[in-house]
Amino acid sequence: MAQSLAAVAGQTGETGTSGTDGSDAAIASMEAAFDRAIAKAAEVTEARMEGGSALDAARTRLSN
């Protein structure tokens, strides 16, 4: 996922500004990374909620 300095240098023009293709690719890469992070966070949240529900049920059984 990380870009090498050579790859970054290849995205810049003679003036040192980023080209349209490089910007679009970088934005697409960032969007994909954010999408993966959001999906992973949802999985972690779901697992925590399931685990928390089981723990709550066990505590309730023990206290009765």
PDB file of N, CA and C in Angstrom:
ATOM      1  N   MET A   1       0.817  -1.180   0.000  1.00  0.00           N
ATOM      2  CA  MET A   1       0.000   0.000   0.000  1.00  0.00           C
ATOM      3  C   MET A   1       0.866   1.251   0.000  1.00  0.00           C
ATOM      4  N   ALA A   2       1.949   1.239   0.723  1.00  0.00           N
ATOM      5  CA  ALA A   2       2.808   2.410   0.765  1.00  0.00           C
ATOM      6  C   ALA A   2       3.527   2.574  -0.560  1.00  0.00           C
ATOM      7  N   GLN A   3       3.655   3.819  -0.970  1.00  0.00           N
ATOM      8  CA  GLN A   3       4.332   4.106  -2.216  1.00  0.00           C
ATOM      9  C   GLN A   3       5.804   4.388  -1.951  1.00  0.00           C
ATOM     10  N   SER A   4       6.629   3.996  -2.909  1.00  0.00           N
ATOM     11  CA  SER A   4       8.046   4.328  -2.782  1.00  0.00           C
ATOM     12  C   SER A   4       8.248   5.769  -3.225  1.00  0.00           C
ATOM     13  N   LEU A   5       9.360   6.347  -2.838  1.00  0.00           N
ATOM     14  CA  LEU A   5       9.650   7.719  -3.248  1.00  0.00           C
ATOM     15  C   LEU A   5       9.767   7.825  -4.760  1.00  0.00           C
ATOM     16  N   ALA A   6      10.257   6.786  -5.403  1.00  0.00           N
ATOM     17  CA  ALA A   6      10.380   6.813  -6.862  1.00  0.00           C
ATOM     18  C   ALA A   6       9.008   6.883  -7.513  1.00  0.00           C
ATOM     19  N   ALA A   7       8.043   6.158  -6.962  1.00  0.00           N
ATOM     20  CA  ALA A   7       6.687   6.178  -7.514  1.00  0.00           C
ATOM     21  C   ALA A   7       6.053   7.546  -7.317  1.00  0.00           C
ATOM     22  N   VAL A   8       6.298   8.159  -6.167  1.00  0.00           N
ATOM     23  CA  VAL A   8       5.755   9.490  -5.915  1.00  0.00           C
ATOM     24  C   VAL A   8       6.388  10.496  -6.856  1.00  0.00           C
ATOM     25  N   ALA A   9       7.689  10.388  -7.063  1.00  0.00           N
ATOM     26  CA  ALA A   9       8.382  11.296  -7.969  1.00  0.00           C
ATOM     27  C   ALA A   9       7.843  11.159  -9.389  1.00  0.00           C
ATOM     28  N   GLY A  10       7.440   9.959  -9.762  1.00  0.00           N
ATOM     29  CA  GLY A  10       6.893   9.746 -11.091  1.00  0.00           C
ATOM     30  C   GLY A  10       5.539  10.394 -11.286  1.00  0.00           C
ATOM     31  N   GLN A  11       4.874  10.760 -10.213  1.00  0.00           N
ATOM     32  CA  GLN A  11       3.560  11.397 -10.313  1.00  0.00           C
ATOM     33  C   GLN A  11       3.660  12.898 -10.478  1.00  0.00           C
ATOM     34  N   THR A  12       4.829  13.458 -10.299  1.00  0.00           N
ATOM     35  CA  THR A  12       4.961  14.906 -10.388  1.00  0.00           C
ATOM     36  C   THR A  12       5.469  15.306 -11.761  1.00  0.00           C
ATOM     37  N   GLY A  13       5.031  16.458 -12.204  1.00  0.00           N
ATOM     38  CA  GLY A  13       5.453  16.988 -13.495  1.00  0.00           C
ATOM     39  C   GLY A  13       6.742  17.770 -13.358  1.00  0.00           C
ATOM     40  N   GLU A  14       7.122  18.457 -14.445  1.00  0.00           N
ATOM     41  CA  GLU A  14       8.368  19.229 -14.424  1.00  0.00           C
ATOM     42  C   GLU A  14       8.340  20.328 -13.373  1.00  0.00           C
ATOM     43  N   THR A  15       7.169  20.890 -13.137  1.00  0.00           N
ATOM     44  CA  THR A  15       7.078  21.984 -12.177  1.00  0.00           C
ATOM     45  C   THR A  15       6.982  21.490 -10.748  1.00  0.00           C
ATOM     46  N   GLY A  16       6.861  20.165 -10.579  1.00  0.00           N
ATOM     47  CA  GLY A  16       6.777  19.616  -9.243  1.00  0.00           C
ATOM     48  C   GLY A  16       5.350  19.498  -8.733  1.00  0.00           C
ATOM     49  N   THR A  17       4.383  19.821  -9.575  1.00  0.00           N
ATOM     50  CA  THR A  17       2.986  19.691  -9.160  1.00  0.00           C
ATOM     51  C   THR A  17       2.471  18.336  -9.593  1.00  0.00           C
ATOM     52  N   SER A  18       1.518  17.844  -8.866  1.00  0.00           N
ATOM     53  CA  SER A  18       0.984  16.515  -9.129  1.00  0.00           C
ATOM     54  C   SER A  18       0.130  16.534 -10.386  1.00  0.00           C
ATOM     55  N   GLY A  19       0.261  15.509 -11.204  1.00  0.00           N
ATOM     56  CA  GLY A  19      -0.550  15.401 -12.407  1.00  0.00           C
ATOM     57  C   GLY A  19      -1.925  14.866 -12.081  1.00  0.00           C
ATOM     58  N   THR A  20      -2.855  15.051 -13.007  1.00  0.00           N
ATOM     59  CA  THR A  20      -4.235  14.618 -12.798  1.00  0.00           C
ATOM     60  C   THR A  20      -4.308  13.121 -12.579  1.00  0.00           C
ATOM     61  N   ASP A  21      -3.593  12.337 -13.380  1.00  0.00           N
ATOM     62  CA  ASP A  21      -3.633  10.882 -13.232  1.00  0.00           C
ATOM     63  C   ASP A  21      -3.114  10.457 -11.870  1.00  0.00           C
ATOM     64  N   GLY A  22      -2.044  11.067 -11.423  1.00  0.00           N
ATOM     65  CA  GLY A  22      -1.483  10.734 -10.125  1.00  0.00           C
ATOM     66  C   GLY A  22      -2.439  11.077  -8.996  1.00  0.00           C
ATOM     67  N   SER A  23      -3.099  12.230  -9.113  1.00  0.00           N
ATOM     68  CA  SER A  23      -4.055  12.647  -8.084  1.00  0.00           C
ATOM     69  C   SER A  23      -5.248  11.717  -8.043  1.00  0.00           C
ATOM     70  N   ASP A  24      -5.782  11.385  -9.212  1.00  0.00           N
ATOM     71  CA  ASP A  24      -6.950  10.500  -9.273  1.00  0.00           C
ATOM     72  C   ASP A  24      -6.611   9.126  -8.706  1.00  0.00           C
ATOM     73  N   ALA A  25      -5.448   8.627  -9.028  1.00  0.00           N
ATOM     74  CA  ALA A  25      -5.036   7.317  -8.516  1.00  0.00           C
ATOM     75  C   ALA A  25      -4.833   7.370  -7.005  1.00  0.00           C
ATOM     76  N   ALA A  26      -4.253   8.451  -6.522  1.00  0.00           N
ATOM     77  CA  ALA A  26      -4.033   8.591  -5.080  1.00  0.00           C
ATOM     78  C   ALA A  26      -5.361   8.683  -4.338  1.00  0.00           C
ATOM     79  N   ILE A  27      -6.302   9.430  -4.895  1.00  0.00           N
ATOM     80  CA  ILE A  27      -7.620   9.556  -4.268  1.00  0.00           C
ATOM     81  C   ILE A  27      -8.329   8.211  -4.265  1.00  0.00           C
ATOM     82  N   ALA A  28      -8.267   7.493  -5.376  1.00  0.00           N
ATOM     83  CA  ALA A  28      -8.898   6.168  -5.454  1.00  0.00           C
ATOM     84  C   ALA A  28      -8.271   5.219  -4.438  1.00  0.00           C
ATOM     85  N   SER A  29      -6.963   5.290  -4.284  1.00  0.00           N
ATOM     86  CA  SER A  29      -6.269   4.441  -3.325  1.00  0.00           C
ATOM     87  C   SER A  29      -6.695   4.777  -1.898  1.00  0.00           C
ATOM     88  N   MET A  30      -6.800   6.066  -1.587  1.00  0.00           N
ATOM     89  CA  MET A  30      -7.230   6.479  -0.252  1.00  0.00           C
ATOM     90  C   MET A  30      -8.674   6.061   0.014  1.00  0.00           C
ATOM     91  N   GLU A  31      -9.545   6.206  -0.997  1.00  0.00           N
ATOM     92  CA  GLU A  31     -10.942   5.795  -0.824  1.00  0.00           C
ATOM     93  C   GLU A  31     -11.028   4.290  -0.554  1.00  0.00           C
ATOM     94  N   ALA A  32     -10.235   3.511  -1.268  1.00  0.00           N
ATOM     95  CA  ALA A  32     -10.229   2.060  -1.064  1.00  0.00           C
ATOM     96  C   ALA A  32      -9.730   1.725   0.344  1.00  0.00           C
ATOM     97  N   ALA A  33      -8.703   2.427   0.794  1.00  0.00           N
ATOM     98  CA  ALA A  33      -8.179   2.187   2.140  1.00  0.00           C
ATOM     99  C   ALA A  33      -9.215   2.544   3.204  1.00  0.00           C
ATOM    100  N   PHE A  34      -9.907   3.670   3.020  1.00  0.00           N
ATOM    101  CA  PHE A  34     -10.947   4.058   3.973  1.00  0.00           C
ATOM    102  C   PHE A  34     -12.087   3.052   3.966  1.00  0.00           C
ATOM    103  N   ASP A  35     -12.475   2.577   2.790  1.00  0.00           N
ATOM    104  CA  ASP A  35     -13.544   1.579   2.704  1.00  0.00           C
ATOM    105  C   ASP A  35     -13.168   0.301   3.457  1.00  0.00           C
ATOM    106  N   ARG A  36     -11.899  -0.131   3.294  1.00  0.00           N
ATOM    107  CA  ARG A  36     -11.442  -1.326   4.017  1.00  0.00           C
ATOM    108  C   ARG A  36     -11.434  -1.076   5.522  1.00  0.00           C
ATOM    109  N   ALA A  37     -11.010   0.109   5.931  1.00  0.00           N
ATOM    110  CA  ALA A  37     -10.969   0.433   7.360  1.00  0.00           C
ATOM    111  C   ALA A  37     -12.375   0.472   7.956  1.00  0.00           C
ATOM    112  N   ILE A  38     -13.327   1.039   7.215  1.00  0.00           N
ATOM    113  CA  ILE A  38     -14.705   1.101   7.691  1.00  0.00           C
ATOM    114  C   ILE A  38     -15.278  -0.305   7.819  1.00  0.00           C
ATOM    115  N   ALA A  39     -15.029  -1.150   6.836  1.00  0.00           N
ATOM    116  CA  ALA A  39     -15.520  -2.529   6.878  1.00  0.00           C
ATOM    117  C   ALA A  39     -14.911  -3.283   8.061  1.00  0.00           C
ATOM    118  N   LYS A  40     -13.615  -3.107   8.304  1.00  0.00           N
ATOM    119  CA  LYS A  40     -12.951  -3.782   9.412  1.00  0.00           C
ATOM    120  C   LYS A  40     -13.500  -3.275  10.752  1.00  0.00           C
ATOM    121  N   ALA A  41     -13.740  -1.969  10.855  1.00  0.00           N
ATOM    122  CA  ALA A  41     -14.301  -1.413  12.089  1.00  0.00           C
ATOM    123  C   ALA A  41     -15.693  -1.982  12.346  1.00  0.00           C
ATOM    124  N   ALA A  42     -16.472  -2.164  11.297  1.00  0.00           N
ATOM    125  CA  ALA A  42     -17.809  -2.747  11.458  1.00  0.00           C
ATOM    126  C   ALA A  42     -17.707  -4.187  11.955  1.00  0.00           C
ATOM    127  N   GLU A  43     -16.740  -4.948  11.427  1.00  0.00           N
ATOM    128  CA  GLU A  43     -16.539  -6.325  11.879  1.00  0.00           C
ATOM    129  C   GLU A  43     -16.149  -6.363  13.357  1.00  0.00           C
ATOM    130  N   VAL A  44     -15.245  -5.477  13.751  1.00  0.00           N
ATOM    131  CA  VAL A  44     -14.790  -5.436  15.141  1.00  0.00           C
ATOM    132  C   VAL A  44     -15.943  -5.050  16.057  1.00  0.00           C
ATOM    133  N   THR A  45     -16.729  -4.062  15.641  1.00  0.00           N
ATOM    134  CA  THR A  45     -17.872  -3.635  16.448  1.00  0.00           C
ATOM    135  C   THR A  45     -18.872  -4.767  16.607  1.00  0.00           C
ATOM    136  N   GLU A  46     -19.132  -5.482  15.519  1.00  0.00           N
ATOM    137  CA  GLU A  46     -20.072  -6.604  15.584  1.00  0.00           C
ATOM    138  C   GLU A  46     -19.565  -7.688  16.534  1.00  0.00           C
ATOM    139  N   ALA A  47     -18.282  -8.003  16.437  1.00  0.00           N
ATOM    140  CA  ALA A  47     -17.709  -9.025  17.311  1.00  0.00           C
ATOM    141  C   ALA A  47     -17.775  -8.589  18.775  1.00  0.00           C
ATOM    142  N   ARG A  48     -17.506  -7.316  19.040  1.00  0.00           N
ATOM    143  CA  ARG A  48     -17.570  -6.812  20.416  1.00  0.00           C
ATOM    144  C   ARG A  48     -18.989  -6.873  20.951  1.00  0.00           C
ATOM    145  N   MET A  49     -19.955  -6.533  20.106  1.00  0.00           N
ATOM    146  CA  MET A  49     -21.354  -6.546  20.558  1.00  0.00           C
ATOM    147  C   MET A  49     -21.805  -7.969  20.849  1.00  0.00           C
ATOM    148  N   GLU A  50     -21.406  -8.922  20.000  1.00  0.00           N
ATOM    149  CA  GLU A  50     -21.762 -10.327  20.232  1.00  0.00           C
ATOM    150  C   GLU A  50     -21.116 -10.838  21.513  1.00  0.00           C
ATOM    151  N   GLY A  51     -19.843 -10.515  21.670  1.00  0.00           N
ATOM    152  CA  GLY A  51     -19.134 -10.931  22.882  1.00  0.00           C
ATOM    153  C   GLY A  51     -19.710 -10.279  24.121  1.00  0.00           C
ATOM    154  N   GLY A  52     -20.079  -9.014  24.004  1.00  0.00           N
ATOM    155  CA  GLY A  52     -20.668  -8.297  25.135  1.00  0.00           C
ATOM    156  C   GLY A  52     -22.014  -8.868  25.520  1.00  0.00           C
ATOM    157  N   SER A  53     -22.815  -9.256  24.526  1.00  0.00           N
ATOM    158  CA  SER A  53     -24.132  -9.845  24.806  1.00  0.00           C
ATOM    159  C   SER A  53     -23.986 -11.165  25.540  1.00  0.00           C
ATOM    160  N   ALA A  54     -23.038 -11.984  25.117  1.00  0.00           N
ATOM    161  CA  ALA A  54     -22.807 -13.268  25.781  1.00  0.00           C
ATOM    162  C   ALA A  54     -22.325 -13.050  27.209  1.00  0.00           C
ATOM    163  N   LEU A  55     -21.463 -12.059  27.398  1.00  0.00           N
ATOM    164  CA  LEU A  55     -20.958 -11.758  28.737  1.00  0.00           C
ATOM    165  C   LEU A  55     -22.085 -11.254  29.638  1.00  0.00           C
ATOM    166  N   ASP A  56     -22.932 -10.387  29.111  1.00  0.00           N
ATOM    167  CA  ASP A  56     -24.072  -9.887  29.886  1.00  0.00           C
ATOM    168  C   ASP A  56     -25.003 -11.024  30.282  1.00  0.00           C
ATOM    169  N   ALA A  57     -25.263 -11.947  29.337  1.00  0.00           N
ATOM    170  CA  ALA A  57     -26.136 -13.082  29.627  1.00  0.00           C
ATOM    171  C   ALA A  57     -25.530 -13.963  30.720  1.00  0.00           C
ATOM    172  N   ALA A  58     -24.228 -14.178  30.655  1.00  0.00           N
ATOM    173  CA  ALA A  58     -23.555 -14.995  31.677  1.00  0.00           C
ATOM    174  C   ALA A  58     -23.625 -14.319  33.035  1.00  0.00           C
ATOM    175  N   ARG A  59     -23.442 -13.003  33.083  1.00  0.00           N
ATOM    176  CA  ARG A  59     -23.517 -12.283  34.348  1.00  0.00           C
ATOM    177  C   ARG A  59     -24.925 -12.353  34.928  1.00  0.00           C
ATOM    178  N   THR A  60     -25.917 -12.256  34.052  1.00  0.00           N
ATOM    179  CA  THR A  60     -27.308 -12.340  34.510  1.00  0.00           C
ATOM    180  C   THR A  60     -27.598 -13.708  35.107  1.00  0.00           C
ATOM    181  N   ARG A  61     -27.129 -14.761  34.439  1.00  0.00           N
ATOM    182  CA  ARG A  61     -27.327 -16.127  34.952  1.00  0.00           C
ATOM    183  C   ARG A  61     -26.653 -16.303  36.299  1.00  0.00           C
ATOM    184  N   LEU A  62     -25.466 -15.750  36.462  1.00  0.00           N
ATOM    185  CA  LEU A  62     -24.743 -15.895  37.718  1.00  0.00           C
ATOM    186  C   LEU A  62     -25.412 -15.143  38.858  1.00  0.00           C
ATOM    187  N   SER A  63     -26.030 -14.041  38.568  1.00  0.00           N
ATOM    188  CA  SER A  63     -26.633 -13.226  39.630  1.00  0.00           C
ATOM    189  C   SER A  63     -28.007 -13.721  40.043  1.00  0.00           C
ATOM    190  N   ASN A  64     -28.603 -14.613  39.273  1.00  0.00           N
ATOM    191  CA  ASN A  64     -29.946 -15.134  39.618  1.00  0.00           C
ATOM    192  C   ASN A  64     -29.869 -16.265  40.532  1.00  0.00           C
TER     193      ASN A  64
END
